Amino acid sequence: MLRAYRPLADALPAAIPTSWWTDDPDYVDSWYTPAQSDSGRRDGAAGNGWMTVEPYVVQEF
């Protein structure tokens, strides 16, 4: 039964572009999901970038 999934399992890593594994200069940093009440400066997970966040309220229709 597990052999039926092997072609799919082999295809997934093969479909990932090789550039995904390289140190791409276009990538700056990653941020975790902020909470609703977050505001102010938030540093990226790797410390390579920062952003300023503030709450934004969307009015009901």
PDB file of N, CA and C in Angstrom:
ATOM      1  N   MET A   1       0.810  -1.186   0.000  1.00  0.00           N
ATOM      2  CA  MET A   1       0.000   0.000   0.000  1.00  0.00           C
ATOM      3  C   MET A   1       0.865   1.267   0.000  1.00  0.00           C
ATOM      4  N   LEU A   2       1.940   1.281   0.777  1.00  0.00           N
ATOM      5  CA  LEU A   2       2.789   2.458   0.848  1.00  0.00           C
ATOM      6  C   LEU A   2       3.542   2.719  -0.451  1.00  0.00           C
ATOM      7  N   ARG A   3       3.750   1.710  -1.253  1.00  0.00           N
ATOM      8  CA  ARG A   3       4.450   1.895  -2.528  1.00  0.00           C
ATOM      9  C   ARG A   3       3.688   2.815  -3.471  1.00  0.00           C
ATOM     10  N   ALA A   4       2.376   2.896  -3.307  1.00  0.00           N
ATOM     11  CA  ALA A   4       1.560   3.749  -4.181  1.00  0.00           C
ATOM     12  C   ALA A   4       1.915   5.216  -3.992  1.00  0.00           C
ATOM     13  N   TYR A   5       2.401   5.598  -2.826  1.00  0.00           N
ATOM     14  CA  TYR A   5       2.721   6.996  -2.542  1.00  0.00           C
ATOM     15  C   TYR A   5       4.156   7.360  -2.905  1.00  0.00           C
ATOM     16  N   ARG A   6       4.990   6.387  -3.207  1.00  0.00           N
ATOM     17  CA  ARG A   6       6.397   6.664  -3.478  1.00  0.00           C
ATOM     18  C   ARG A   6       6.605   7.605  -4.659  1.00  0.00           C
ATOM     19  N   PRO A   7       5.911   7.469  -5.795  1.00  0.00           N
ATOM     20  CA  PRO A   7       6.122   8.434  -6.884  1.00  0.00           C
ATOM     21  C   PRO A   7       5.811   9.868  -6.461  1.00  0.00           C
ATOM     22  N   LEU A   8       4.779  10.050  -5.660  1.00  0.00           N
ATOM     23  CA  LEU A   8       4.445  11.386  -5.178  1.00  0.00           C
ATOM     24  C   LEU A   8       5.515  11.892  -4.216  1.00  0.00           C
ATOM     25  N   ALA A   9       5.937  11.044  -3.310  1.00  0.00           N
ATOM     26  CA  ALA A   9       6.960  11.442  -2.341  1.00  0.00           C
ATOM     27  C   ALA A   9       8.284  11.778  -3.033  1.00  0.00           C
ATOM     28  N   ASP A  10       8.642  11.073  -4.074  1.00  0.00           N
ATOM     29  CA  ASP A  10       9.870  11.371  -4.819  1.00  0.00           C
ATOM     30  C   ASP A  10       9.728  12.650  -5.642  1.00  0.00           C
ATOM     31  N   ALA A  11       8.511  12.937  -6.100  1.00  0.00           N
ATOM     32  CA  ALA A  11       8.295  14.106  -6.959  1.00  0.00           C
ATOM     33  C   ALA A  11       8.345  15.412  -6.177  1.00  0.00           C
ATOM     34  N   LEU A  12       7.959  15.398  -4.918  1.00  0.00           N
ATOM     35  CA  LEU A  12       7.926  16.640  -4.145  1.00  0.00           C
ATOM     36  C   LEU A  12       9.308  17.282  -3.994  1.00  0.00           C
ATOM     37  N   PRO A  13      10.321  16.585  -3.513  1.00  0.00           N
ATOM     38  CA  PRO A  13      11.644  17.219  -3.430  1.00  0.00           C
ATOM     39  C   PRO A  13      12.208  17.587  -4.801  1.00  0.00           C
ATOM     40  N   ALA A  14      11.885  16.806  -5.806  1.00  0.00           N
ATOM     41  CA  ALA A  14      12.377  17.094  -7.151  1.00  0.00           C
ATOM     42  C   ALA A  14      11.743  18.363  -7.714  1.00  0.00           C
ATOM     43  N   ALA A  15      10.549  18.723  -7.240  1.00  0.00           N
ATOM     44  CA  ALA A  15       9.854  19.909  -7.750  1.00  0.00           C
ATOM     45  C   ALA A  15      10.363  21.210  -7.127  1.00  0.00           C
ATOM     46  N   ILE A  16      11.095  21.117  -6.023  1.00  0.00           N
ATOM     47  CA  ILE A  16      11.611  22.321  -5.367  1.00  0.00           C
ATOM     48  C   ILE A  16      12.775  22.865  -6.184  1.00  0.00           C
ATOM     49  N   PRO A  17      12.721  24.137  -6.586  1.00  0.00           N
ATOM     50  CA  PRO A  17      13.815  24.692  -7.375  1.00  0.00           C
ATOM     51  C   PRO A  17      15.121  24.699  -6.581  1.00  0.00           C
ATOM     52  N   THR A  18      16.220  24.500  -7.258  1.00  0.00           N
ATOM     53  CA  THR A  18      17.513  24.467  -6.580  1.00  0.00           C
ATOM     54  C   THR A  18      17.843  25.809  -5.941  1.00  0.00           C
ATOM     55  N   SER A  19      17.296  26.904  -6.463  1.00  0.00           N
ATOM     56  CA  SER A  19      17.561  28.214  -5.880  1.00  0.00           C
ATOM     57  C   SER A  19      16.974  28.333  -4.473  1.00  0.00           C
ATOM     58  N   TRP A  20      16.012  27.481  -4.126  1.00  0.00           N
ATOM     59  CA  TRP A  20      15.420  27.522  -2.800  1.00  0.00           C
ATOM     60  C   TRP A  20      16.452  27.156  -1.742  1.00  0.00           C
ATOM     61  N   TRP A  21      17.426  26.341  -2.104  1.00  0.00           N
ATOM     62  CA  TRP A  21      18.428  25.859  -1.159  1.00  0.00           C
ATOM     63  C   TRP A  21      19.639  26.789  -1.073  1.00  0.00           C
ATOM     64  N   THR A  22      19.694  27.831  -1.864  1.00  0.00           N
ATOM     65  CA  THR A  22      20.863  28.710  -1.875  1.00  0.00           C
ATOM     66  C   THR A  22      20.638  29.948  -1.020  1.00  0.00           C
ATOM     67  N   ASP A  23      21.699  30.654  -0.718  1.00  0.00           N
ATOM     68  CA  ASP A  23      21.620  31.892   0.046  1.00  0.00           C
ATOM     69  C   ASP A  23      21.263  33.006  -0.924  1.00  0.00           C
ATOM     70  N   ASP A  24      19.983  33.295  -1.042  1.00  0.00           N
ATOM     71  CA  ASP A  24      19.476  34.276  -2.005  1.00  0.00           C
ATOM     72  C   ASP A  24      19.519  35.675  -1.395  1.00  0.00           C
ATOM     73  N   PRO A  25      20.177  36.641  -2.037  1.00  0.00           N
ATOM     74  CA  PRO A  25      20.252  37.980  -1.471  1.00  0.00           C
ATOM     75  C   PRO A  25      18.906  38.714  -1.465  1.00  0.00           C
ATOM     76  N   ASP A  26      17.901  38.212  -2.176  1.00  0.00           N
ATOM     77  CA  ASP A  26      16.585  38.851  -2.159  1.00  0.00           C
ATOM     78  C   ASP A  26      15.829  38.557  -0.870  1.00  0.00           C
ATOM     79  N   TYR A  27      16.219  37.510  -0.184  1.00  0.00           N
ATOM     80  CA  TYR A  27      15.568  37.165   1.089  1.00  0.00           C
ATOM     81  C   TYR A  27      16.163  38.028   2.195  1.00  0.00           C
ATOM     82  N   VAL A  28      15.319  38.691   2.957  1.00  0.00           N
ATOM     83  CA  VAL A  28      15.809  39.557   4.035  1.00  0.00           C
ATOM     84  C   VAL A  28      15.635  38.881   5.382  1.00  0.00           C
ATOM     85  N   ASP A  29      14.412  38.532   5.738  1.00  0.00           N
ATOM     86  CA  ASP A  29      14.168  37.968   7.058  1.00  0.00           C
ATOM     87  C   ASP A  29      12.774  37.372   7.118  1.00  0.00           C
ATOM     88  N   SER A  30      12.451  36.752   8.238  1.00  0.00           N
ATOM     89  CA  SER A  30      11.125  36.180   8.482  1.00  0.00           C
ATOM     90  C   SER A  30      10.547  36.801   9.736  1.00  0.00           C
ATOM     91  N   TRP A  31       9.241  36.977   9.717  1.00  0.00           N
ATOM     92  CA  TRP A  31       8.546  37.492  10.885  1.00  0.00           C
ATOM     93  C   TRP A  31       7.469  36.508  11.278  1.00  0.00           C
ATOM     94  N   TYR A  32       7.321  36.335  12.579  1.00  0.00           N
ATOM     95  CA  TYR A  32       6.247  35.503  13.082  1.00  0.00           C
ATOM     96  C   TYR A  32       4.957  36.310  13.056  1.00  0.00           C
ATOM     97  N   THR A  33       3.832  35.654  13.113  1.00  0.00           N
ATOM     98  CA  THR A  33       2.544  36.324  13.045  1.00  0.00           C
ATOM     99  C   THR A  33       2.362  37.237  14.260  1.00  0.00           C
ATOM    100  N   PRO A  34       2.148  38.523  14.029  1.00  0.00           N
ATOM    101  CA  PRO A  34       1.948  39.432  15.174  1.00  0.00           C
ATOM    102  C   PRO A  34       0.560  39.249  15.779  1.00  0.00           C
ATOM    103  N   ALA A  35       0.427  39.584  17.036  1.00  0.00           N
ATOM    104  CA  ALA A  35      -0.871  39.531  17.709  1.00  0.00           C
ATOM    105  C   ALA A  35      -1.687  40.759  17.325  1.00  0.00           C
ATOM    106  N   GLN A  36      -2.970  40.726  17.576  1.00  0.00           N
ATOM    107  CA  GLN A  36      -3.849  41.841  17.231  1.00  0.00           C
ATOM    108  C   GLN A  36      -3.454  43.126  17.942  1.00  0.00           C
ATOM    109  N   SER A  37      -2.895  43.011  19.130  1.00  0.00           N
ATOM    110  CA  SER A  37      -2.572  44.200  19.909  1.00  0.00           C
ATOM    111  C   SER A  37      -1.134  44.682  19.701  1.00  0.00           C
ATOM    112  N   ASP A  38      -0.367  44.022  18.844  1.00  0.00           N
ATOM    113  CA  ASP A  38       1.023  44.426  18.617  1.00  0.00           C
ATOM    114  C   ASP A  38       1.107  45.798  17.964  1.00  0.00           C
ATOM    115  N   SER A  39       2.083  46.557  18.383  1.00  0.00           N
ATOM    116  CA  SER A  39       2.374  47.821  17.723  1.00  0.00           C
ATOM    117  C   SER A  39       3.827  48.170  18.008  1.00  0.00           C
ATOM    118  N   GLY A  40       4.394  48.966  17.136  1.00  0.00           N
ATOM    119  CA  GLY A  40       5.784  49.372  17.302  1.00  0.00           C
ATOM    120  C   GLY A  40       6.721  48.624  16.364  1.00  0.00           C
ATOM    121  N   ARG A  41       7.990  48.696  16.643  1.00  0.00           N
ATOM    122  CA  ARG A  41       9.014  48.075  15.808  1.00  0.00           C
ATOM    123  C   ARG A  41       9.142  46.591  16.143  1.00  0.00           C
ATOM    124  N   ARG A  42       9.194  45.773  15.121  1.00  0.00           N
ATOM    125  CA  ARG A  42       9.375  44.335  15.278  1.00  0.00           C
ATOM    126  C   ARG A  42      10.578  43.914  14.453  1.00  0.00           C
ATOM    127  N   ASP A  43      11.554  43.299  15.110  1.00  0.00           N
ATOM    128  CA  ASP A  43      12.737  42.799  14.423  1.00  0.00           C
ATOM    129  C   ASP A  43      12.451  41.426  13.839  1.00  0.00           C
ATOM    130  N   GLY A  44      13.088  41.118  12.724  1.00  0.00           N
ATOM    131  CA  GLY A  44      12.920  39.820  12.096  1.00  0.00           C
ATOM    132  C   GLY A  44      13.551  38.715  12.916  1.00  0.00           C
ATOM    133  N   ALA A  45      13.194  37.475  12.607  1.00  0.00           N
ATOM    134  CA  ALA A  45      13.673  36.320  13.358  1.00  0.00           C
ATOM    135  C   ALA A  45      15.191  36.181  13.289  1.00  0.00           C
ATOM    136  N   ALA A  46      15.786  36.516  12.159  1.00  0.00           N
ATOM    137  CA  ALA A  46      17.234  36.396  12.012  1.00  0.00           C
ATOM    138  C   ALA A  46      17.962  37.695  12.324  1.00  0.00           C
ATOM    139  N   GLY A  47      17.212  38.759  12.614  1.00  0.00           N
ATOM    140  CA  GLY A  47      17.828  40.034  12.944  1.00  0.00           C
ATOM    141  C   GLY A  47      18.357  40.791  11.746  1.00  0.00           C
ATOM    142  N   ASN A  48      17.915  40.436  10.543  1.00  0.00           N
ATOM    143  CA  ASN A  48      18.387  41.108   9.328  1.00  0.00           C
ATOM    144  C   ASN A  48      17.475  42.234   8.867  1.00  0.00           C
ATOM    145  N   GLY A  49      16.300  42.322   9.411  1.00  0.00           N
ATOM    146  CA  GLY A  49      15.352  43.347   8.981  1.00  0.00           C
ATOM    147  C   GLY A  49      14.428  43.719  10.116  1.00  0.00           C
ATOM    148  N   TRP A  50      13.676  44.803   9.922  1.00  0.00           N
ATOM    149  CA  TRP A  50      12.697  45.234  10.910  1.00  0.00           C
ATOM    150  C   TRP A  50      11.517  45.855  10.193  1.00  0.00           C
ATOM    151  N   MET A  51      10.400  45.934  10.902  1.00  0.00           N
ATOM    152  CA  MET A  51       9.217  46.602  10.361  1.00  0.00           C
ATOM    153  C   MET A  51       8.455  47.243  11.518  1.00  0.00           C
ATOM    154  N   THR A  52       7.689  48.260  11.196  1.00  0.00           N
ATOM    155  CA  THR A  52       6.848  48.928  12.172  1.00  0.00           C
ATOM    156  C   THR A  52       5.413  48.492  11.940  1.00  0.00           C
ATOM    157  N   VAL A  53       4.743  48.049  12.988  1.00  0.00           N
ATOM    158  CA  VAL A  53       3.360  47.580  12.868  1.00  0.00           C
ATOM    159  C   VAL A  53       2.465  48.389  13.804  1.00  0.00           C
ATOM    160  N   GLU A  54       1.208  48.482  13.428  1.00  0.00           N
ATOM    161  CA  GLU A  54       0.194  49.112  14.268  1.00  0.00           C
ATOM    162  C   GLU A  54      -1.151  48.491  13.932  1.00  0.00           C
ATOM    163  N   PRO A  55      -2.071  48.459  14.893  1.00  0.00           N
ATOM    164  CA  PRO A  55      -3.393  47.879  14.617  1.00  0.00           C
ATOM    165  C   PRO A  55      -4.130  48.656  13.525  1.00  0.00           C
ATOM    166  N   TYR A  56      -4.884  47.951  12.718  1.00  0.00           N
ATOM    167  CA  TYR A  56      -5.683  48.551  11.663  1.00  0.00           C
ATOM    168  C   TYR A  56      -7.077  47.936  11.755  1.00  0.00           C
ATOM    169  N   VAL A  57      -8.070  48.765  11.947  1.00  0.00           N
ATOM    170  CA  VAL A  57      -9.437  48.290  12.121  1.00  0.00           C
ATOM    171  C   VAL A  57     -10.195  48.478  10.815  1.00  0.00           C
ATOM    172  N   VAL A  58     -10.815  47.411  10.338  1.00  0.00           N
ATOM    173  CA  VAL A  58     -11.632  47.455   9.138  1.00  0.00           C
ATOM    174  C   VAL A  58     -13.077  47.637   9.556  1.00  0.00           C
ATOM    175  N   GLN A  59     -13.719  48.664   9.050  1.00  0.00           N
ATOM    176  CA  GLN A  59     -15.105  48.956   9.397  1.00  0.00           C
ATOM    177  C   GLN A  59     -16.037  47.908   8.779  1.00  0.00           C
ATOM    178  N   GLU A  60     -17.105  47.593   9.477  1.00  0.00           N
ATOM    179  CA  GLU A  60     -18.100  46.650   8.958  1.00  0.00           C
ATOM    180  C   GLU A  60     -18.828  47.269   7.778  1.00  0.00           C
ATOM    181  N   PHE A  61     -19.360  46.424   6.915  1.00  0.00           N
ATOM    182  CA  PHE A  61     -20.123  46.901   5.757  1.00  0.00           C
ATOM    183  C   PHE A  61     -21.469  47.424   6.182  1.00  0.00           C
TER     184      PHE A  61
END
